[in-house]
C-alpha atoms as a PDB file:
ATOM      1  CA  UNK A   1      78.168  83.802  59.839  1.00  0.00           C
ATOM      2  CA  UNK A   2      79.456  84.366  56.234  1.00  0.00           C
ATOM      3  CA  UNK A   3      77.745  87.930  56.443  1.00  0.00           C
ATOM      4  CA  UNK A   4      79.330  88.555  59.819  1.00  0.00           C
ATOM      5  CA  UNK A   5      82.798  87.732  58.497  1.00  0.00           C
ATOM      6  CA  UNK A   6      82.286  90.278  55.608  1.00  0.00           C
ATOM      7  CA  UNK A   7      81.092  92.892  57.917  1.00  0.00           C
ATOM      8  CA  UNK A   8      84.104  92.288  60.386  1.00  0.00           C
ATOM      9  CA  UNK A   9      86.471  92.707  57.397  1.00  0.00           C
ATOM     10  CA  UNK A  10      84.768  96.126  56.495  1.00  0.00           C
ATOM     11  CA  UNK A  11      85.108  97.178  60.140  1.00  0.00           C
ATOM     12  CA  UNK A  12      88.829  96.298  60.049  1.00  0.00           C
ATOM     13  CA  UNK A  13      89.202  98.674  57.081  1.00  0.00           C
ATOM     14  CA  UNK A  14      87.446 101.397  59.072  1.00  0.00           C
ATOM     15  CA  UNK A  15      89.693 100.713  62.187  1.00  0.00           C
ATOM     16  CA  UNK A  16      92.851 100.955  60.094  1.00  0.00           C
ATOM     17  CA  UNK A  17      91.722 104.275  58.665  1.00  0.00           C
ATOM     18  CA  UNK A  18      90.557 105.713  61.904  1.00  0.00           C
ATOM     19  CA  UNK A  19      93.581 104.534  63.836  1.00  0.00           C
ATOM     20  CA  UNK A  20      95.599 107.185  61.735  1.00  0.00           C
ATOM     21  CA  UNK A  21      94.122 109.839  63.863  1.00  0.00           C
ATOM     22  CA  UNK A  22      92.204 108.243  66.855  1.00  0.00           C
ATOM     23  CA  UNK A  23      93.457 106.478  69.922  1.00  0.00           C
ATOM     24  CA  UNK A  24      92.740 102.928  70.860  1.00  0.00           C
ATOM     25  CA  UNK A  25      90.362 103.899  73.721  1.00  0.00           C
ATOM     26  CA  UNK A  26      88.503 106.221  71.302  1.00  0.00           C
ATOM     27  CA  UNK A  27      88.090 103.432  68.573  1.00  0.00           C
ATOM     28  CA  UNK A  28      86.904 100.938  71.461  1.00  0.00           C
ATOM     29  CA  UNK A  29      84.469 103.514  72.758  1.00  0.00           C
ATOM     30  CA  UNK A  30      82.994 104.462  69.356  1.00  0.00           C
ATOM     31  CA  UNK A  31      82.733 100.767  68.460  1.00  0.00           C
ATOM     32  CA  UNK A  32      80.745 100.108  71.567  1.00  0.00           C
ATOM     33  CA  UNK A  33      78.797 103.541  71.718  1.00  0.00           C
ATOM     34  CA  UNK A  34      77.287 103.142  68.248  1.00  0.00           C
ATOM     35  CA  UNK A  35      76.190  99.723  69.055  1.00  0.00           C
ATOM     36  CA  UNK A  36      74.550 100.944  72.317  1.00  0.00           C
ATOM     37  CA  UNK A  37      72.572 103.611  70.389  1.00  0.00           C
ATOM     38  CA  UNK A  38      71.622 101.314  67.420  1.00  0.00           C
ATOM     39  CA  UNK A  39      70.503  98.276  69.769  1.00  0.00           C
ATOM     40  CA  UNK A  40      68.687 100.581  72.201  1.00  0.00           C
ATOM     41  CA  UNK A  41      66.760 102.333  69.323  1.00  0.00           C
ATOM     42  CA  UNK A  42      65.956  98.969  67.810  1.00  0.00           C
ATOM     43  CA  UNK A  43      64.768  97.598  71.078  1.00  0.00           C
ATOM     44  CA  UNK A  44      62.619 100.440  71.660  1.00  0.00           C
ATOM     45  CA  UNK A  45      61.061 100.237  68.177  1.00  0.00           C
ATOM     46  CA  UNK A  46      60.324  96.547  68.708  1.00  0.00           C
ATOM     47  CA  UNK A  47      58.913  97.015  72.263  1.00  0.00           C
ATOM     48  CA  UNK A  48      61.778  94.751  73.577  1.00  0.00           C
ATOM     49  CA  UNK A  49      62.751  95.316  77.214  1.00  0.00           C
ATOM     50  CA  UNK A  50      66.495  95.409  77.917  1.00  0.00           C
ATOM     51  CA  UNK A  51      66.024  93.821  81.408  1.00  0.00           C
ATOM     52  CA  UNK A  52      67.740  90.473  81.456  1.00  0.00           C
ATOM     53  CA  UNK A  53      67.347  87.253  83.501  1.00  0.00           C
ATOM     54  CA  UNK A  54      70.893  86.233  83.064  1.00  0.00           C
ATOM     55  CA  UNK A  55      73.033  89.352  84.012  1.00  0.00           C
ATOM     56  CA  UNK A  56      75.998  87.162  85.000  1.00  0.00           C
ATOM     57  CA  UNK A  57      76.249  85.660  81.417  1.00  0.00           C
ATOM     58  CA  UNK A  58      76.184  89.071  80.002  1.00  0.00           C
ATOM     59  CA  UNK A  59      78.983  90.250  82.472  1.00  0.00           C
ATOM     60  CA  UNK A  60      81.071  87.137  81.551  1.00  0.00           C
ATOM     61  CA  UNK A  61      80.668  87.604  77.844  1.00  0.00           C
ATOM     62  CA  UNK A  62      81.479  91.226  78.044  1.00  0.00           C
ATOM     63  CA  UNK A  63      84.482  90.892  80.316  1.00  0.00           C
ATOM     64  CA  UNK A  64      86.038  87.992  78.236  1.00  0.00           C
ATOM     65  CA  UNK A  65      85.323  89.905  75.041  1.00  0.00           C
ATOM     66  CA  UNK A  66      86.720  93.280  76.052  1.00  0.00           C
ATOM     67  CA  UNK A  67      89.871  91.743  77.695  1.00  0.00           C
ATOM     68  CA  UNK A  68      90.633  89.672  74.606  1.00  0.00           C
ATOM     69  CA  UNK A  69      90.144  92.798  72.448  1.00  0.00           C
ATOM     70  CA  UNK A  70      92.587  94.766  74.760  1.00  0.00           C
ATOM     71  CA  UNK A  71      95.235  92.010  74.653  1.00  0.00           C
ATOM     72  CA  UNK A  72      94.801  91.895  70.905  1.00  0.00           C
ATOM     73  CA  UNK A  73      95.491  95.639  70.540  1.00  0.00           C
ATOM     74  CA  UNK A  74      98.582  95.195  72.724  1.00  0.00           C
ATOM     75  CA  UNK A  75      99.776  92.352  70.556  1.00  0.00           C
ATOM     76  CA  UNK A  76      99.221  94.331  67.488  1.00  0.00           C
ATOM     77  CA  UNK A  77     101.363  97.101  68.887  1.00  0.00           C
ATOM     78  CA  UNK A  78     104.216  94.707  69.749  1.00  0.00           C
ATOM     79  CA  UNK A  79     104.183  92.122  66.882  1.00  0.00           C
ATOM     80  CA  UNK A  80     103.944  92.099  63.159  1.00  0.00           C
ATOM     81  CA  UNK A  81     100.197  92.428  62.115  1.00  0.00           C
ATOM     82  CA  UNK A  82     100.107  89.026  60.545  1.00  0.00           C
ATOM     83  CA  UNK A  83     101.466  87.369  63.632  1.00  0.00           C
ATOM     84  CA  UNK A  84      98.981  89.044  65.869  1.00  0.00           C
ATOM     85  CA  UNK A  85      95.928  88.181  63.708  1.00  0.00           C
ATOM     86  CA  UNK A  86      97.062  84.520  63.429  1.00  0.00           C
ATOM     87  CA  UNK A  87      97.318  84.295  67.115  1.00  0.00           C
ATOM     88  CA  UNK A  88      93.976  85.809  67.738  1.00  0.00           C
ATOM     89  CA  UNK A  89      92.373  83.438  65.192  1.00  0.00           C
ATOM     90  CA  UNK A  90      93.467  80.451  67.158  1.00  0.00           C
ATOM     91  CA  UNK A  91      90.119  81.021  69.024  1.00  0.00           C
ATOM     92  CA  UNK A  92      88.537  78.094  67.237  1.00  0.00           C
ATOM     93  CA  UNK A  93      91.432  75.913  68.083  1.00  0.00           C
ATOM     94  CA  UNK A  94      91.005  76.770  71.694  1.00  0.00           C
ATOM     95  CA  UNK A  95      87.254  75.936  71.302  1.00  0.00           C
ATOM     96  CA  UNK A  96      88.087  72.570  69.957  1.00  0.00           C
ATOM     97  CA  UNK A  97      90.584  71.929  72.829  1.00  0.00           C
ATOM     98  CA  UNK A  98      87.809  73.082  75.485  1.00  0.00           C
ATOM     99  CA  UNK A  99      85.168  70.860  73.713  1.00  0.00           C
ATOM    100  CA  UNK A 100      87.573  67.832  73.790  1.00  0.00           C
ATOM    101  CA  UNK A 101      88.627  68.423  77.296  1.00  0.00           C
ATOM    102  CA  UNK A 102      84.880  68.495  78.300  1.00  0.00           C
ATOM    103  CA  UNK A 103      84.250  65.342  76.380  1.00  0.00           C
ATOM    104  CA  UNK A 104      87.108  63.561  78.047  1.00  0.00           C
ATOM    105  CA  UNK A 105      85.835  64.707  81.647  1.00  0.00           C
ATOM    106  CA  UNK A 106      82.292  63.477  80.722  1.00  0.00           C
ATOM    107  CA  UNK A 107      83.453  60.099  79.668  1.00  0.00           C
ATOM    108  CA  UNK A 108      85.721  59.764  82.641  1.00  0.00           C
ATOM    109  CA  UNK A 109      82.752  60.249  84.938  1.00  0.00           C
ATOM    110  CA  UNK A 110      80.634  57.703  82.937  1.00  0.00           C
ATOM    111  CA  UNK A 111      78.319  60.397  81.550  1.00  0.00           C
ATOM    112  CA  UNK A 112      76.823  60.273  78.057  1.00  0.00           C
ATOM    113  CA  UNK A 113      78.768  62.535  75.782  1.00  0.00           C
ATOM    114  CA  UNK A 114      78.094  63.535  72.116  1.00  0.00           C
ATOM    115  CA  UNK A 115      81.275  62.845  70.068  1.00  0.00           C
ATOM    116  CA  UNK A 116      82.955  65.584  68.019  1.00  0.00           C
ATOM    117  CA  UNK A 117      83.206  64.628  64.361  1.00  0.00           C
ATOM    118  CA  UNK A 118      86.832  64.184  63.329  1.00  0.00           C
ATOM    119  CA  UNK A 119      85.834  65.767  60.043  1.00  0.00           C
ATOM    120  CA  UNK A 120      84.876  68.968  61.885  1.00  0.00           C
ATOM    121  CA  UNK A 121      88.233  69.031  63.877  1.00  0.00           C
ATOM    122  CA  UNK A 122      90.081  68.372  60.630  1.00  0.00           C
ATOM    123  CA  UNK A 123      88.085  71.406  58.942  1.00  0.00           C
ATOM    124  CA  UNK A 124      89.286  73.688  61.796  1.00  0.00           C
ATOM    125  CA  UNK A 125      92.883  72.546  61.271  1.00  0.00           C
ATOM    126  CA  UNK A 126      92.642  73.225  57.521  1.00  0.00           C
ATOM    127  CA  UNK A 127      91.169  76.549  58.097  1.00  0.00           C
ATOM    128  CA  UNK A 128      93.858  77.584  60.370  1.00  0.00           C
ATOM    129  CA  UNK A 129      96.656  76.507  58.143  1.00  0.00           C
ATOM    130  CA  UNK A 130      94.741  78.615  55.494  1.00  0.00           C
ATOM    131  CA  UNK A 131      95.015  81.505  57.917  1.00  0.00           C
ATOM    132  CA  UNK A 132      98.779  81.063  58.415  1.00  0.00           C
ATOM    133  CA  UNK A 133      99.352  80.771  54.684  1.00  0.00           C
ATOM    134  CA  UNK A 134      97.569  84.120  53.960  1.00  0.00           C
ATOM    135  CA  UNK A 135      99.236  85.951  56.935  1.00  0.00           C
ATOM    136  CA  UNK A 136     102.647  84.343  56.787  1.00  0.00           C
ATOM    137  CA  UNK A 137     103.327  85.037  60.491  1.00  0.00           C
ATOM    138  CA  UNK A 138     106.716  85.323  62.102  1.00  0.00           C
ATOM    139  CA  UNK A 139     107.795  85.656  65.665  1.00  0.00           C
ATOM    140  CA  UNK A 140     111.161  86.647  67.014  1.00  0.00           C
ATOM    141  CA  UNK A 141     112.759  84.979  70.173  1.00  0.00           C
ATOM    142  CA  UNK A 142     112.658  88.172  72.234  1.00  0.00           C
ATOM    143  CA  UNK A 143     108.994  88.715  71.540  1.00  0.00           C
ATOM    144  CA  UNK A 144     107.761  85.831  73.556  1.00  0.00           C
ATOM    145  CA  UNK A 145     105.704  87.929  76.059  1.00  0.00           C
ATOM    146  CA  UNK A 146     103.523  89.654  73.483  1.00  0.00           C
ATOM    147  CA  UNK A 147     103.155  86.164  71.810  1.00  0.00           C
ATOM    148  CA  UNK A 148     101.650  84.800  74.986  1.00  0.00           C
ATOM    149  CA  UNK A 149      99.296  87.873  75.214  1.00  0.00           C
ATOM    150  CA  UNK A 150      98.161  86.949  71.616  1.00  0.00           C
ATOM    151  CA  UNK A 151      97.524  83.198  72.544  1.00  0.00           C
ATOM    152  CA  UNK A 152      95.620  84.515  75.683  1.00  0.00           C
ATOM    153  CA  UNK A 153      93.610  86.761  73.455  1.00  0.00           C
ATOM    154  CA  UNK A 154      92.534  83.876  71.218  1.00  0.00           C
ATOM    155  CA  UNK A 155      91.659  81.806  74.282  1.00  0.00           C
ATOM    156  CA  UNK A 156      89.500  84.494  75.820  1.00  0.00           C
ATOM    157  CA  UNK A 157      87.798  85.082  72.538  1.00  0.00           C
ATOM    158  CA  UNK A 158      86.898  81.445  72.484  1.00  0.00           C
ATOM    159  CA  UNK A 159      85.335  81.681  75.972  1.00  0.00           C
ATOM    160  CA  UNK A 160      83.416  84.758  74.712  1.00  0.00           C
ATOM    161  CA  UNK A 161      81.936  82.706  71.790  1.00  0.00           C
ATOM    162  CA  UNK A 162      80.987  79.997  74.113  1.00  0.00           C
ATOM    163  CA  UNK A 163      79.217  82.691  76.215  1.00  0.00           C
ATOM    164  CA  UNK A 164      77.428  84.008  73.123  1.00  0.00           C
ATOM    165  CA  UNK A 165      76.185  80.469  72.387  1.00  0.00           C
ATOM    166  CA  UNK A 166      74.911  80.045  75.932  1.00  0.00           C
ATOM    167  CA  UNK A 167      73.063  83.506  75.791  1.00  0.00           C
ATOM    168  CA  UNK A 168      71.448  82.604  72.689  1.00  0.00           C
ATOM    169  CA  UNK A 169      70.275  79.217  73.848  1.00  0.00           C
ATOM    170  CA  UNK A 170      69.135  80.659  77.030  1.00  0.00           C
ATOM    171  CA  UNK A 171      66.609  82.527  75.069  1.00  0.00           C
ATOM    172  CA  UNK A 172      68.202  85.931  75.116  1.00  0.00           C
ATOM    173  CA  UNK A 173      67.282  88.058  71.996  1.00  0.00           C
ATOM    174  CA  UNK A 174      70.200  89.062  69.719  1.00  0.00           C
ATOM    175  CA  UNK A 175      69.464  92.815  70.311  1.00  0.00           C
ATOM    176  CA  UNK A 176      69.933  92.332  74.109  1.00  0.00           C
ATOM    177  CA  UNK A 177      73.007  90.375  73.788  1.00  0.00           C
ATOM    178  CA  UNK A 178      74.751  92.882  71.491  1.00  0.00           C
ATOM    179  CA  UNK A 179      73.425  95.867  73.561  1.00  0.00           C
ATOM    180  CA  UNK A 180      75.173  94.735  76.618  1.00  0.00           C
ATOM    181  CA  UNK A 181      78.395  93.738  74.998  1.00  0.00           C
ATOM    182  CA  UNK A 182      78.393  97.207  73.245  1.00  0.00           C
ATOM    183  CA  UNK A 183      77.683  98.856  76.533  1.00  0.00           C
ATOM    184  CA  UNK A 184      80.548  96.955  78.285  1.00  0.00           C
ATOM    185  CA  UNK A 185      82.897  97.952  75.291  1.00  0.00           C
ATOM    186  CA  UNK A 186      81.849 101.681  75.445  1.00  0.00           C
ATOM    187  CA  UNK A 187      82.564 101.885  79.198  1.00  0.00           C
ATOM    188  CA  UNK A 188      85.826 100.142  78.650  1.00  0.00           C
ATOM    189  CA  UNK A 189      86.774 102.450  76.005  1.00  0.00           C
ATOM    190  CA  UNK A 190      86.210 105.440  78.306  1.00  0.00           C
ATOM    191  CA  UNK A 191      88.211 103.730  80.936  1.00  0.00           C
ATOM    192  CA  UNK A 192      91.127 103.115  78.494  1.00  0.00           C
ATOM    193  CA  UNK A 193      91.058 106.710  77.574  1.00  0.00           C
ATOM    194  CA  UNK A 194      90.992 107.989  81.204  1.00  0.00           C
ATOM    195  CA  UNK A 195      93.728 105.725  82.144  1.00  0.00           C
ATOM    196  CA  UNK A 196      95.878 106.964  79.167  1.00  0.00           C
ATOM    197  CA  UNK A 197      95.255 110.691  80.290  1.00  0.00           C
ATOM    198  CA  UNK A 198      96.312 109.695  83.794  1.00  0.00           C
ATOM    199  CA  UNK A 199      99.545 108.525  82.529  1.00  0.00           C
ATOM    200  CA  UNK A 200     100.052 111.713  80.510  1.00  0.00           C
ATOM    201  CA  UNK A 201      99.099 110.310  77.166  1.00  0.00           C
ATOM    202  CA  UNK A 202      96.235 111.725  74.925  1.00  0.00           C
ATOM    203  CA  UNK A 203      92.992 110.188  75.739  1.00  0.00           C
ATOM    204  CA  UNK A 204      91.481 111.075  72.414  1.00  0.00           C
ATOM    205  CA  UNK A 205      93.142 112.117  69.135  1.00  0.00           C
ATOM    206  CA  UNK A 206      92.698 115.274  67.102  1.00  0.00           C
ATOM    207  CA  UNK A 207      90.207 113.541  64.728  1.00  0.00           C
ATOM    208  CA  UNK A 208      89.077 115.082  61.416  1.00  0.00           C
ATOM    209  CA  UNK A 209      85.560 114.890  59.997  1.00  0.00           C
ATOM    210  CA  UNK A 210      86.712 112.000  57.834  1.00  0.00           C
ATOM    211  CA  UNK A 211      88.173 110.348  60.957  1.00  0.00           C
ATOM    212  CA  UNK A 212      84.970 110.482  62.778  1.00  0.00           C
ATOM    213  CA  UNK A 213      83.209 109.147  59.613  1.00  0.00           C
ATOM    214  CA  UNK A 214      85.477 105.903  59.874  1.00  0.00           C
ATOM    215  CA  UNK A 215      84.819 105.626  63.619  1.00  0.00           C
ATOM    216  CA  UNK A 216      81.084 105.775  62.918  1.00  0.00           C
ATOM    217  CA  UNK A 217      81.601 103.090  60.280  1.00  0.00           C
ATOM    218  CA  UNK A 218      83.583 101.095  62.777  1.00  0.00           C
ATOM    219  CA  UNK A 219      80.677 101.153  65.122  1.00  0.00           C
ATOM    220  CA  UNK A 220      78.076 100.415  62.453  1.00  0.00           C
ATOM    221  CA  UNK A 221      79.875  97.496  60.940  1.00  0.00           C
ATOM    222  CA  UNK A 222      80.858  96.058  64.295  1.00  0.00           C
ATOM    223  CA  UNK A 223      77.357  96.157  65.602  1.00  0.00           C
ATOM    224  CA  UNK A 224      75.808  94.525  62.438  1.00  0.00           C
ATOM    225  CA  UNK A 225      78.434  91.854  62.413  1.00  0.00           C
ATOM    226  CA  UNK A 226      77.854  91.164  66.326  1.00  0.00           C
ATOM    227  CA  UNK A 227      74.165  90.684  65.474  1.00  0.00           C
ATOM    228  CA  UNK A 228      74.833  88.303  62.790  1.00  0.00           C
ATOM    229  CA  UNK A 229      77.506  86.532  64.881  1.00  0.00           C
ATOM    230  CA  UNK A 230      75.148  86.194  67.794  1.00  0.00           C
ATOM    231  CA  UNK A 231      72.369  84.590  65.563  1.00  0.00           C
ATOM    232  CA  UNK A 232      75.036  82.297  64.075  1.00  0.00           C
ATOM    233  CA  UNK A 233      76.296  81.013  67.423  1.00  0.00           C
ATOM    234  CA  UNK A 234      72.751  80.789  68.896  1.00  0.00           C
ATOM    235  CA  UNK A 235      71.504  78.405  66.136  1.00  0.00           C
ATOM    236  CA  UNK A 236      74.650  76.651  64.721  1.00  0.00           C
ATOM    237  CA  UNK A 237      77.122  74.382  66.004  1.00  0.00           C
ATOM    238  CA  UNK A 238      79.924  76.240  67.635  1.00  0.00           C
ATOM    239  CA  UNK A 239      82.862  74.574  66.003  1.00  0.00           C
ATOM    240  CA  UNK A 240      81.218  75.084  62.551  1.00  0.00           C
ATOM    241  CA  UNK A 241      80.709  78.578  63.303  1.00  0.00           C
ATOM    242  CA  UNK A 242      84.277  79.056  64.519  1.00  0.00           C
ATOM    243  CA  UNK A 243      85.719  77.553  61.285  1.00  0.00           C
ATOM    244  CA  UNK A 244      83.550  79.833  59.099  1.00  0.00           C
ATOM    245  CA  UNK A 245      85.032  82.822  60.991  1.00  0.00           C
ATOM    246  CA  UNK A 246      88.291  82.233  59.146  1.00  0.00           C
ATOM    247  CA  UNK A 247      86.480  83.650  56.138  1.00  0.00           C
ATOM    248  CA  UNK A 248      87.191  87.245  57.714  1.00  0.00           C
ATOM    249  CA  UNK A 249      90.811  86.752  56.643  1.00  0.00           C
ATOM    250  CA  UNK A 250      89.801  85.943  53.030  1.00  0.00           C
ATOM    251  CA  UNK A 251      87.496  89.122  52.944  1.00  0.00           C
ATOM    252  CA  UNK A 252      90.174  91.126  54.514  1.00  0.00           C
ATOM    253  CA  UNK A 253      92.781  89.872  52.058  1.00  0.00           C
ATOM    254  CA  UNK A 254      90.577  90.920  49.079  1.00  0.00           C
ATOM    255  CA  UNK A 255      89.740  94.351  50.595  1.00  0.00           C
ATOM    256  CA  UNK A 256      93.431  94.916  51.178  1.00  0.00           C
ATOM    257  CA  UNK A 257      94.237  94.373  47.449  1.00  0.00           C
ATOM    258  CA  UNK A 258      91.371  96.621  46.265  1.00  0.00           C
ATOM    259  CA  UNK A 259      91.720  99.490  48.814  1.00  0.00           C
ATOM    260  CA  UNK A 260      95.365  99.337  49.975  1.00  0.00           C
ATOM    261  CA  UNK A 261      97.197  97.737  46.977  1.00  0.00           C
ATOM    262  CA  UNK A 262      98.379  94.895  49.088  1.00  0.00           C
ATOM    263  CA  UNK A 263     100.724  92.508  47.144  1.00  0.00           C
ATOM    264  CA  UNK A 264      99.251  89.193  45.903  1.00  0.00           C
ATOM    265  CA  UNK A 265     101.104  85.935  46.595  1.00  0.00           C
ATOM    266  CA  UNK A 266     100.428  82.514  45.351  1.00  0.00           C
ATOM    267  CA  UNK A 267     100.767  81.260  48.843  1.00  0.00           C
ATOM    268  CA  UNK A 268      98.062  83.637  50.080  1.00  0.00           C
ATOM    269  CA  UNK A 269      95.724  82.543  47.317  1.00  0.00           C
ATOM    270  CA  UNK A 270      96.133  78.863  48.160  1.00  0.00           C
ATOM    271  CA  UNK A 271      95.573  79.846  51.786  1.00  0.00           C
ATOM    272  CA  UNK A 272      92.218  81.474  50.976  1.00  0.00           C
ATOM    273  CA  UNK A 273      91.218  78.407  49.170  1.00  0.00           C
ATOM    274  CA  UNK A 274      91.987  76.208  52.152  1.00  0.00           C
ATOM    275  CA  UNK A 275      89.871  78.750  54.490  1.00  0.00           C
ATOM    276  CA  UNK A 276      86.861  78.401  52.134  1.00  0.00           C
ATOM    277  CA  UNK A 277      87.179  74.459  52.140  1.00  0.00           C
ATOM    278  CA  UNK A 278      87.525  74.323  55.730  1.00  0.00           C
ATOM    279  CA  UNK A 279      84.276  76.412  56.379  1.00  0.00           C
ATOM    280  CA  UNK A 280      82.430  74.374  53.785  1.00  0.00           C
ATOM    281  CA  UNK A 281      83.445  71.161  55.412  1.00  0.00           C
ATOM    282  CA  UNK A 282      82.691  72.248  58.841  1.00  0.00           C
ATOM    283  CA  UNK A 283      79.322  73.373  57.827  1.00  0.00           C
ATOM    284  CA  UNK A 284      78.396  69.971  56.038  1.00  0.00           C
ATOM    285  CA  UNK A 285      79.910  68.119  59.070  1.00  0.00           C
ATOM    286  CA  UNK A 286      77.643  70.029  61.322  1.00  0.00           C
ATOM    287  CA  UNK A 287      74.496  69.390  59.199  1.00  0.00           C
ATOM    288  CA  UNK A 288      75.386  65.657  59.232  1.00  0.00           C
ATOM    289  CA  UNK A 289      75.557  65.669  63.105  1.00  0.00           C
ATOM    290  CA  UNK A 290      72.142  67.419  63.383  1.00  0.00           C
ATOM    291  CA  UNK A 291      70.675  64.902  60.959  1.00  0.00           C
END
């Protein structure tokens, strides 16, 4: 998961650069299209069939992930970037809410239920506080609707991560999981571009060679990150992995300083420290539960 967060941060850099010339649909298509080619080629090399026994799970994962991504793009266009990212990274908070709700229902029915360690829930809270300190979000009163979209984006991301965990534990290879999600994303990108053209907007931008290079980087980093993320959720505790995902913010913060000369604030540095502490605590709590 730590490797995945670093790769996602690199993907974010490529998206920021590519978005100067490319449309949203174009970025979404390239992110998914590169993944389809990479995963298809690797599956062919390994002799792995792409036929699946759980097509419904793949569909649910793809639908939740792509809708969450689309909502996030809308939120980014309407809200300050820091606020949009913070709302999207509430996915782990939503995961904790879903798990606690399921635990309450199981106990109400008198069924055996594995308790969720308070230390892990505390680690998620600490990590999210760190995210807020790094991003320093703000939300004006007249922007409540985009704010709701941002919250919905985080909630659907949590649903998608649960689906990733279910796919991994059902025996689906990482290559197959990432292939179908990439395929879903590529098709969605084409549909977004077609819808934009139908409304009189450009479907694809006038992209230079450098722009296409960043689009290619977006797909490469995103696909590699998805493989690592799928492995992590298939083998680790979902809440611990969700807490470690906050490290993406820390990586992005550093890359922003190095590549874009973003300002450094003491509050942001302290927030990064909380993100790391939350991730380490969640990992140790998860290991203690398994022991």
